[in-house]
Amino acid sequence: MNTKSKKKVSNIMLAIIICLVVFYTIGAFVVEIVWGHEVSPTLTGAYFTFCGVELASLAAIKTSKVKHNKDNTEEITFEELPPEEIIINEEE
């Protein structure tokens, strides 16, 4: 799986989690305004905690990958490489 697919999955997960939080909040308001019942504070706290942990884990994964890739890359200029080791990517 290439990096573009991984980025898309994390972006999709981020959008889904944010939409779920917005829909839950709207739903809780509708239930309280229309029917006059309060959604359980325990359920609400657990729901927002779950979504927050999911978002934090996505951020931690992204941060650790950025740090990991930064530590392993060495900057080499073309002058340091012999001509036979220079590979130019012509697909772009």
PDB file of N, CA and C in Angstrom:
ATOM      1  N   MET A   1       0.851  -1.172   0.000  1.00  0.00           N
ATOM      2  CA  MET A   1       0.000   0.000   0.000  1.00  0.00           C
ATOM      3  C   MET A   1       0.900   1.239   0.000  1.00  0.00           C
ATOM      4  N   ASN A   2       0.663   2.127  -0.931  1.00  0.00           N
ATOM      5  CA  ASN A   2       1.520   3.302  -1.028  1.00  0.00           C
ATOM      6  C   ASN A   2       1.075   4.390  -0.059  1.00  0.00           C
ATOM      7  N   THR A   3       1.873   5.448   0.043  1.00  0.00           N
ATOM      8  CA  THR A   3       1.614   6.489   1.038  1.00  0.00           C
ATOM      9  C   THR A   3       0.364   7.299   0.713  1.00  0.00           C
ATOM     10  N   LYS A   4       0.028   7.441  -0.573  1.00  0.00           N
ATOM     11  CA  LYS A   4      -1.170   8.191  -0.920  1.00  0.00           C
ATOM     12  C   LYS A   4      -2.418   7.491  -0.396  1.00  0.00           C
ATOM     13  N   SER A   5      -2.459   6.172  -0.463  1.00  0.00           N
ATOM     14  CA  SER A   5      -3.610   5.435   0.050  1.00  0.00           C
ATOM     15  C   SER A   5      -3.698   5.551   1.560  1.00  0.00           C
ATOM     16  N   LYS A   6      -2.567   5.509   2.240  1.00  0.00           N
ATOM     17  CA  LYS A   6      -2.572   5.629   3.696  1.00  0.00           C
ATOM     18  C   LYS A   6      -3.042   7.016   4.117  1.00  0.00           C
ATOM     19  N   LYS A   7      -2.616   8.044   3.407  1.00  0.00           N
ATOM     20  CA  LYS A   7      -3.056   9.385   3.736  1.00  0.00           C
ATOM     21  C   LYS A   7      -4.556   9.517   3.509  1.00  0.00           C
ATOM     22  N   LYS A   8      -5.058   8.915   2.462  1.00  0.00           N
ATOM     23  CA  LYS A   8      -6.481   8.987   2.193  1.00  0.00           C
ATOM     24  C   LYS A   8      -7.275   8.303   3.294  1.00  0.00           C
ATOM     25  N   VAL A   9      -6.802   7.168   3.773  1.00  0.00           N
ATOM     26  CA  VAL A   9      -7.516   6.455   4.835  1.00  0.00           C
ATOM     27  C   VAL A   9      -7.556   7.291   6.100  1.00  0.00           C
ATOM     28  N   SER A  10      -6.451   7.898   6.489  1.00  0.00           N
ATOM     29  CA  SER A  10      -6.456   8.711   7.705  1.00  0.00           C
ATOM     30  C   SER A  10      -7.318   9.956   7.527  1.00  0.00           C
ATOM     31  N   ASN A  11      -7.310  10.550   6.348  1.00  0.00           N
ATOM     32  CA  ASN A  11      -8.164  11.714   6.101  1.00  0.00           C
ATOM     33  C   ASN A  11      -9.635  11.329   6.114  1.00  0.00           C
ATOM     34  N   ILE A  12      -9.953  10.157   5.564  1.00  0.00           N
ATOM     35  CA  ILE A  12     -11.337   9.680   5.583  1.00  0.00           C
ATOM     36  C   ILE A  12     -11.778   9.412   7.015  1.00  0.00           C
ATOM     37  N   MET A  13     -10.923   8.778   7.799  1.00  0.00           N
ATOM     38  CA  MET A  13     -11.261   8.506   9.198  1.00  0.00           C
ATOM     39  C   MET A  13     -11.472   9.815   9.963  1.00  0.00           C
ATOM     40  N   LEU A  14     -10.641  10.801   9.714  1.00  0.00           N
ATOM     41  CA  LEU A  14     -10.775  12.097  10.372  1.00  0.00           C
ATOM     42  C   LEU A  14     -12.122  12.726  10.031  1.00  0.00           C
ATOM     43  N   ALA A  15     -12.490  12.716   8.768  1.00  0.00           N
ATOM     44  CA  ALA A  15     -13.766  13.296   8.341  1.00  0.00           C
ATOM     45  C   ALA A  15     -14.946  12.537   8.940  1.00  0.00           C
ATOM     46  N   ILE A  16     -14.861  11.209   8.982  1.00  0.00           N
ATOM     47  CA  ILE A  16     -15.950  10.409   9.546  1.00  0.00           C
ATOM     48  C   ILE A  16     -16.126  10.709  11.033  1.00  0.00           C
ATOM     49  N   ILE A  17     -15.040  10.769  11.771  1.00  0.00           N
ATOM     50  CA  ILE A  17     -15.127  11.024  13.212  1.00  0.00           C
ATOM     51  C   ILE A  17     -15.703  12.407  13.484  1.00  0.00           C
ATOM     52  N   ILE A  18     -15.261  13.406  12.734  1.00  0.00           N
ATOM     53  CA  ILE A  18     -15.787  14.753  12.934  1.00  0.00           C
ATOM     54  C   ILE A  18     -17.273  14.807  12.596  1.00  0.00           C
ATOM     55  N   CYS A  19     -17.677  14.156  11.509  1.00  0.00           N
ATOM     56  CA  CYS A  19     -19.102  14.119  11.148  1.00  0.00           C
ATOM     57  C   CYS A  19     -19.925  13.404  12.215  1.00  0.00           C
ATOM     58  N   LEU A  20     -19.412  12.309  12.759  1.00  0.00           N
ATOM     59  CA  LEU A  20     -20.136  11.592  13.803  1.00  0.00           C
ATOM     60  C   LEU A  20     -20.322  12.448  15.053  1.00  0.00           C
ATOM     61  N   VAL A  21     -19.309  13.204  15.414  1.00  0.00           N
ATOM     62  CA  VAL A  21     -19.423  14.086  16.578  1.00  0.00           C
ATOM     63  C   VAL A  21     -20.477  15.168  16.325  1.00  0.00           C
ATOM     64  N   VAL A  22     -20.458  15.744  15.129  1.00  0.00           N
ATOM     65  CA  VAL A  22     -21.445  16.779  14.797  1.00  0.00           C
ATOM     66  C   VAL A  22     -22.854  16.191  14.801  1.00  0.00           C
ATOM     67  N   PHE A  23     -23.040  15.015  14.183  1.00  0.00           N
ATOM     68  CA  PHE A  23     -24.364  14.385  14.142  1.00  0.00           C
ATOM     69  C   PHE A  23     -24.849  14.015  15.542  1.00  0.00           C
ATOM     70  N   TYR A  24     -23.967  13.520  16.394  1.00  0.00           N
ATOM     71  CA  TYR A  24     -24.357  13.182  17.760  1.00  0.00           C
ATOM     72  C   TYR A  24     -24.803  14.428  18.511  1.00  0.00           C
ATOM     73  N   THR A  25     -24.061  15.520  18.347  1.00  0.00           N
ATOM     74  CA  THR A  25     -24.410  16.760  19.027  1.00  0.00           C
ATOM     75  C   THR A  25     -25.763  17.281  18.551  1.00  0.00           C
ATOM     76  N   ILE A  26     -25.979  17.272  17.240  1.00  0.00           N
ATOM     77  CA  ILE A  26     -27.269  17.716  16.692  1.00  0.00           C
ATOM     78  C   ILE A  26     -28.387  16.805  17.188  1.00  0.00           C
ATOM     79  N   GLY A  27     -28.140  15.506  17.171  1.00  0.00           N
ATOM     80  CA  GLY A  27     -29.141  14.554  17.652  1.00  0.00           C
ATOM     81  C   GLY A  27     -29.483  14.764  19.118  1.00  0.00           C
ATOM     82  N   ALA A  28     -28.486  15.038  19.931  1.00  0.00           N
ATOM     83  CA  ALA A  28     -28.729  15.280  21.352  1.00  0.00           C
ATOM     84  C   ALA A  28     -29.568  16.544  21.553  1.00  0.00           C
ATOM     85  N   PHE A  29     -29.279  17.589  20.775  1.00  0.00           N
ATOM     86  CA  PHE A  29     -30.089  18.804  20.864  1.00  0.00           C
ATOM     87  C   PHE A  29     -31.531  18.543  20.434  1.00  0.00           C
ATOM     88  N   VAL A  30     -31.707  17.813  19.348  1.00  0.00           N
ATOM     89  CA  VAL A  30     -33.053  17.516  18.849  1.00  0.00           C
ATOM     90  C   VAL A  30     -33.847  16.718  19.880  1.00  0.00           C
ATOM     91  N   VAL A  31     -33.219  15.698  20.461  1.00  0.00           N
ATOM     92  CA  VAL A  31     -33.905  14.889  21.469  1.00  0.00           C
ATOM     93  C   VAL A  31     -34.311  15.750  22.662  1.00  0.00           C
ATOM     94  N   GLU A  32     -33.452  16.640  23.084  1.00  0.00           N
ATOM     95  CA  GLU A  32     -33.764  17.468  24.249  1.00  0.00           C
ATOM     96  C   GLU A  32     -34.827  18.513  23.927  1.00  0.00           C
ATOM     97  N   ILE A  33     -34.742  19.135  22.760  1.00  0.00           N
ATOM     98  CA  ILE A  33     -35.692  20.199  22.415  1.00  0.00           C
ATOM     99  C   ILE A  33     -37.061  19.623  22.057  1.00  0.00           C
ATOM    100  N   VAL A  34     -37.097  18.587  21.223  1.00  0.00           N
ATOM    101  CA  VAL A  34     -38.366  18.053  20.732  1.00  0.00           C
ATOM    102  C   VAL A  34     -39.067  17.221  21.799  1.00  0.00           C
ATOM    103  N   TRP A  35     -38.375  16.282  22.401  1.00  0.00           N
ATOM    104  CA  TRP A  35     -39.022  15.376  23.336  1.00  0.00           C
ATOM    105  C   TRP A  35     -38.809  15.762  24.799  1.00  0.00           C
ATOM    106  N   GLY A  36     -37.914  16.660  25.065  1.00  0.00           N
ATOM    107  CA  GLY A  36     -37.693  17.106  26.427  1.00  0.00           C
ATOM    108  C   GLY A  36     -36.904  16.140  27.294  1.00  0.00           C
ATOM    109  N   HIS A  37     -36.242  15.179  26.678  1.00  0.00           N
ATOM    110  CA  HIS A  37     -35.428  14.218  27.421  1.00  0.00           C
ATOM    111  C   HIS A  37     -33.952  14.539  27.217  1.00  0.00           C
ATOM    112  N   GLU A  38     -33.204  14.397  28.287  1.00  0.00           N
ATOM    113  CA  GLU A  38     -31.766  14.640  28.197  1.00  0.00           C
ATOM    114  C   GLU A  38     -31.051  13.333  27.864  1.00  0.00           C
ATOM    115  N   VAL A  39     -30.133  13.396  26.925  1.00  0.00           N
ATOM    116  CA  VAL A  39     -29.305  12.233  26.617  1.00  0.00           C
ATOM    117  C   VAL A  39     -28.382  12.007  27.808  1.00  0.00           C
ATOM    118  N   SER A  40     -28.174  10.763  28.156  1.00  0.00           N
ATOM    119  CA  SER A  40     -27.386  10.415  29.334  1.00  0.00           C
ATOM    120  C   SER A  40     -26.011  11.095  29.304  1.00  0.00           C
ATOM    121  N   PRO A  41     -25.667  11.824  30.362  1.00  0.00           N
ATOM    122  CA  PRO A  41     -24.341  12.460  30.403  1.00  0.00           C
ATOM    123  C   PRO A  41     -23.202  11.436  30.358  1.00  0.00           C
ATOM    124  N   THR A  42     -23.447  10.253  30.909  1.00  0.00           N
ATOM    125  CA  THR A  42     -22.418   9.211  30.873  1.00  0.00           C
ATOM    126  C   THR A  42     -22.182   8.744  29.440  1.00  0.00           C
ATOM    127  N   LEU A  43     -23.281   8.550  28.703  1.00  0.00           N
ATOM    128  CA  LEU A  43     -23.163   8.148  27.298  1.00  0.00           C
ATOM    129  C   LEU A  43     -22.460   9.225  26.479  1.00  0.00           C
ATOM    130  N   THR A  44     -22.837  10.479  26.714  1.00  0.00           N
ATOM    131  CA  THR A  44     -22.227  11.592  25.985  1.00  0.00           C
ATOM    132  C   THR A  44     -20.731  11.692  26.290  1.00  0.00           C
ATOM    133  N   GLY A  45     -20.389  11.581  27.564  1.00  0.00           N
ATOM    134  CA  GLY A  45     -18.968  11.633  27.936  1.00  0.00           C
ATOM    135  C   GLY A  45     -18.175  10.492  27.334  1.00  0.00           C
ATOM    136  N   ALA A  46     -18.749   9.288  27.363  1.00  0.00           N
ATOM    137  CA  ALA A  46     -18.057   8.135  26.786  1.00  0.00           C
ATOM    138  C   ALA A  46     -17.898   8.285  25.275  1.00  0.00           C
ATOM    139  N   TYR A  47     -18.925   8.806  24.613  1.00  0.00           N
ATOM    140  CA  TYR A  47     -18.872   8.980  23.162  1.00  0.00           C
ATOM    141  C   TYR A  47     -17.783   9.973  22.768  1.00  0.00           C
ATOM    142  N   PHE A  48     -17.764  11.120  23.434  1.00  0.00           N
ATOM    143  CA  PHE A  48     -16.754  12.125  23.106  1.00  0.00           C
ATOM    144  C   PHE A  48     -15.352  11.668  23.506  1.00  0.00           C
ATOM    145  N   THR A  49     -15.253  10.892  24.559  1.00  0.00           N
ATOM    146  CA  THR A  49     -13.949  10.333  24.936  1.00  0.00           C
ATOM    147  C   THR A  49     -13.450   9.369  23.870  1.00  0.00           C
ATOM    148  N   PHE A  50     -14.340   8.500  23.401  1.00  0.00           N
ATOM    149  CA  PHE A  50     -13.966   7.553  22.348  1.00  0.00           C
ATOM    150  C   PHE A  50     -13.485   8.290  21.102  1.00  0.00           C
ATOM    151  N   CYS A  51     -14.255   9.298  20.672  1.00  0.00           N
ATOM    152  CA  CYS A  51     -13.872  10.046  19.467  1.00  0.00           C
ATOM    153  C   CYS A  51     -12.564  10.803  19.676  1.00  0.00           C
ATOM    154  N   GLY A  52     -12.371  11.345  20.858  1.00  0.00           N
ATOM    155  CA  GLY A  52     -11.127  12.062  21.160  1.00  0.00           C
ATOM    156  C   GLY A  52      -9.919  11.144  21.145  1.00  0.00           C
ATOM    157  N   VAL A  53     -10.089   9.928  21.696  1.00  0.00           N
ATOM    158  CA  VAL A  53      -8.985   8.964  21.686  1.00  0.00           C
ATOM    159  C   VAL A  53      -8.672   8.519  20.260  1.00  0.00           C
ATOM    160  N   GLU A  54      -9.702   8.329  19.448  1.00  0.00           N
ATOM    161  CA  GLU A  54      -9.470   7.968  18.047  1.00  0.00           C
ATOM    162  C   GLU A  54      -8.699   9.069  17.313  1.00  0.00           C
ATOM    163  N   LEU A  55      -9.096  10.313  17.520  1.00  0.00           N
ATOM    164  CA  LEU A  55      -8.391  11.426  16.876  1.00  0.00           C
ATOM    165  C   LEU A  55      -6.957  11.553  17.384  1.00  0.00           C
ATOM    166  N   ALA A  56      -6.770  11.351  18.680  1.00  0.00           N
ATOM    167  CA  ALA A  56      -5.414  11.422  19.242  1.00  0.00           C
ATOM    168  C   ALA A  56      -4.542  10.298  18.709  1.00  0.00           C
ATOM    169  N   SER A  57      -5.110   9.108  18.534  1.00  0.00           N
ATOM    170  CA  SER A  57      -4.311   8.002  17.998  1.00  0.00           C
ATOM    171  C   SER A  57      -3.962   8.235  16.532  1.00  0.00           C
ATOM    172  N   LEU A  58      -4.874   8.815  15.756  1.00  0.00           N
ATOM    173  CA  LEU A  58      -4.545   9.167  14.368  1.00  0.00           C
ATOM    174  C   LEU A  58      -3.409  10.191  14.335  1.00  0.00           C
ATOM    175  N   ALA A  59      -3.480  11.181  15.219  1.00  0.00           N
ATOM    176  CA  ALA A  59      -2.424  12.198  15.270  1.00  0.00           C
ATOM    177  C   ALA A  59      -1.100  11.586  15.705  1.00  0.00           C
ATOM    178  N   ALA A  60      -1.143  10.662  16.675  1.00  0.00           N
ATOM    179  CA  ALA A  60       0.091  10.024  17.143  1.00  0.00           C
ATOM    180  C   ALA A  60       0.724   9.171  16.047  1.00  0.00           C
ATOM    181  N   ILE A  61      -0.095   8.465  15.296  1.00  0.00           N
ATOM    182  CA  ILE A  61       0.428   7.648  14.193  1.00  0.00           C
ATOM    183  C   ILE A  61       1.084   8.544  13.149  1.00  0.00           C
ATOM    184  N   LYS A  62       0.411   9.633  12.788  1.00  0.00           N
ATOM    185  CA  LYS A  62       0.963  10.537  11.781  1.00  0.00           C
ATOM    186  C   LYS A  62       2.253  11.185  12.271  1.00  0.00           C
ATOM    187  N   THR A  63       2.266  11.617  13.540  1.00  0.00           N
ATOM    188  CA  THR A  63       3.459  12.248  14.104  1.00  0.00           C
ATOM    189  C   THR A  63       4.629  11.273  14.176  1.00  0.00           C
ATOM    190  N   SER A  64       4.366  10.045  14.597  1.00  0.00           N
ATOM    191  CA  SER A  64       5.453   9.072  14.700  1.00  0.00           C
ATOM    192  C   SER A  64       6.005   8.700  13.331  1.00  0.00           C
ATOM    193  N   LYS A  65       5.151   8.649  12.323  1.00  0.00           N
ATOM    194  CA  LYS A  65       5.636   8.349  10.974  1.00  0.00           C
ATOM    195  C   LYS A  65       6.479   9.492  10.433  1.00  0.00           C
ATOM    196  N   VAL A  66       6.089  10.724  10.720  1.00  0.00           N
ATOM    197  CA  VAL A  66       6.868  11.873  10.257  1.00  0.00           C
ATOM    198  C   VAL A  66       8.229  11.877  10.933  1.00  0.00           C
ATOM    199  N   LYS A  67       8.265  11.649  12.249  1.00  0.00           N
ATOM    200  CA  LYS A  67       9.539  11.618  12.961  1.00  0.00           C
ATOM    201  C   LYS A  67      10.401  10.466  12.498  1.00  0.00           C
ATOM    202  N   HIS A  68       9.781   9.302  12.279  1.00  0.00           N
ATOM    203  CA  HIS A  68      10.519   8.118  11.842  1.00  0.00           C
ATOM    204  C   HIS A  68      11.131   8.342  10.462  1.00  0.00           C
ATOM    205  N   ASN A  69      10.371   8.909   9.548  1.00  0.00           N
ATOM    206  CA  ASN A  69      10.881   9.159   8.202  1.00  0.00           C
ATOM    207  C   ASN A  69      11.955  10.239   8.208  1.00  0.00           C
ATOM    208  N   LYS A  70      11.819  11.232   9.080  1.00  0.00           N
ATOM    209  CA  LYS A  70      12.797  12.315   9.136  1.00  0.00           C
ATOM    210  C   LYS A  70      14.141  11.806   9.653  1.00  0.00           C
ATOM    211  N   ASP A  71      14.115  10.890  10.627  1.00  0.00           N
ATOM    212  CA  ASP A  71      15.350  10.382  11.204  1.00  0.00           C
ATOM    213  C   ASP A  71      16.112   9.472  10.241  1.00  0.00           C
ATOM    214  N   ASN A  72      15.398   8.778   9.379  1.00  0.00           N
ATOM    215  CA  ASN A  72      16.039   7.806   8.500  1.00  0.00           C
ATOM    216  C   ASN A  72      16.507   8.388   7.171  1.00  0.00           C
ATOM    217  N   THR A  73      16.116   9.576   6.851  1.00  0.00           N
ATOM    218  CA  THR A  73      16.520  10.143   5.571  1.00  0.00           C
ATOM    219  C   THR A  73      17.798  10.954   5.743  1.00  0.00           C
ATOM    220  N   GLU A  74      18.696  10.737   4.843  1.00  0.00           N
ATOM    221  CA  GLU A  74      19.930  11.508   4.819  1.00  0.00           C
ATOM    222  C   GLU A  74      19.928  12.352   3.560  1.00  0.00           C
ATOM    223  N   GLU A  75      20.305  13.584   3.717  1.00  0.00           N
ATOM    224  CA  GLU A  75      20.338  14.449   2.551  1.00  0.00           C
ATOM    225  C   GLU A  75      21.661  14.260   1.825  1.00  0.00           C
ATOM    226  N   ILE A  76      21.540  13.837   0.578  1.00  0.00           N
ATOM    227  CA  ILE A  76      22.715  13.625  -0.265  1.00  0.00           C
ATOM    228  C   ILE A  76      22.539  14.488  -1.504  1.00  0.00           C
ATOM    229  N   THR A  77      23.530  15.259  -1.806  1.00  0.00           N
ATOM    230  CA  THR A  77      23.454  16.091  -2.998  1.00  0.00           C
ATOM    231  C   THR A  77      23.979  15.304  -4.198  1.00  0.00           C
ATOM    232  N   PHE A  78      23.662  15.769  -5.380  1.00  0.00           N
ATOM    233  CA  PHE A  78      24.095  15.084  -6.583  1.00  0.00           C
ATOM    234  C   PHE A  78      25.613  15.083  -6.728  1.00  0.00           C
ATOM    235  N   GLU A  79      26.266  16.077  -6.154  1.00  0.00           N
ATOM    236  CA  GLU A  79      27.716  16.137  -6.281  1.00  0.00           C
ATOM    237  C   GLU A  79      28.404  15.010  -5.512  1.00  0.00           C
ATOM    238  N   GLU A  80      27.733  14.482  -4.472  1.00  0.00           N
ATOM    239  CA  GLU A  80      28.328  13.429  -3.654  1.00  0.00           C
ATOM    240  C   GLU A  80      28.211  12.054  -4.299  1.00  0.00           C
ATOM    241  N   LEU A  81      27.275  11.892  -5.229  1.00  0.00           N
ATOM    242  CA  LEU A  81      27.065  10.589  -5.861  1.00  0.00           C
ATOM    243  C   LEU A  81      27.809  10.496  -7.180  1.00  0.00           C
ATOM    244  N   PRO A  82      28.365   9.325  -7.467  1.00  0.00           N
ATOM    245  CA  PRO A  82      28.933   9.136  -8.796  1.00  0.00           C
ATOM    246  C   PRO A  82      27.803   9.115  -9.838  1.00  0.00           C
ATOM    247  N   PRO A  83      28.061   9.488 -11.068  1.00  0.00           N
ATOM    248  CA  PRO A  83      27.007   9.599 -12.087  1.00  0.00           C
ATOM    249  C   PRO A  83      26.216   8.301 -12.307  1.00  0.00           C
ATOM    250  N   GLU A  84      26.833   7.142 -12.136  1.00  0.00           N
ATOM    251  CA  GLU A  84      26.101   5.893 -12.385  1.00  0.00           C
ATOM    252  C   GLU A  84      25.086   5.578 -11.280  1.00  0.00           C
ATOM    253  N   GLU A  85      25.159   6.248 -10.129  1.00  0.00           N
ATOM    254  CA  GLU A  85      24.217   5.988  -9.046  1.00  0.00           C
ATOM    255  C   GLU A  85      23.064   6.988  -9.014  1.00  0.00           C
ATOM    256  N   ILE A  86      23.064   7.970  -9.870  1.00  0.00           N
ATOM    257  CA  ILE A  86      21.990   8.955  -9.904  1.00  0.00           C
ATOM    258  C   ILE A  86      20.845   8.387 -10.733  1.00  0.00           C
ATOM    259  N   ILE A  87      19.687   8.270 -10.108  1.00  0.00           N
ATOM    260  CA  ILE A  87      18.499   7.762 -10.794  1.00  0.00           C
ATOM    261  C   ILE A  87      17.481   8.895 -10.847  1.00  0.00           C
ATOM    262  N   ILE A  88      17.052   9.194 -12.045  1.00  0.00           N
ATOM    263  CA  ILE A  88      16.079  10.262 -12.227  1.00  0.00           C
ATOM    264  C   ILE A  88      14.729   9.621 -12.499  1.00  0.00           C
ATOM    265  N   ASN A  89      13.720  10.011 -11.716  1.00  0.00           N
ATOM    266  CA  ASN A  89      12.381   9.487 -11.878  1.00  0.00           C
ATOM    267  C   ASN A  89      11.680  10.269 -12.978  1.00  0.00           C
ATOM    268  N   GLU A  90      11.469   9.628 -14.122  1.00  0.00           N
ATOM    269  CA  GLU A  90      10.864  10.312 -15.259  1.00  0.00           C
ATOM    270  C   GLU A  90       9.358  10.129 -15.316  1.00  0.00           C
ATOM    271  N   GLU A  91       8.755   9.465 -14.317  1.00  0.00           N
ATOM    272  CA  GLU A  91       7.321   9.231 -14.329  1.00  0.00           C
ATOM    273  C   GLU A  91       6.531  10.470 -13.940  1.00  0.00           C
ATOM    274  N   GLU A  92       7.109  11.433 -13.293  1.00  0.00           N
ATOM    275  CA  GLU A  92       6.383  12.600 -12.784  1.00  0.00           C
ATOM    276  C   GLU A  92       6.028  13.552 -13.875  1.00  0.00           C
TER     277      GLU A  92
END
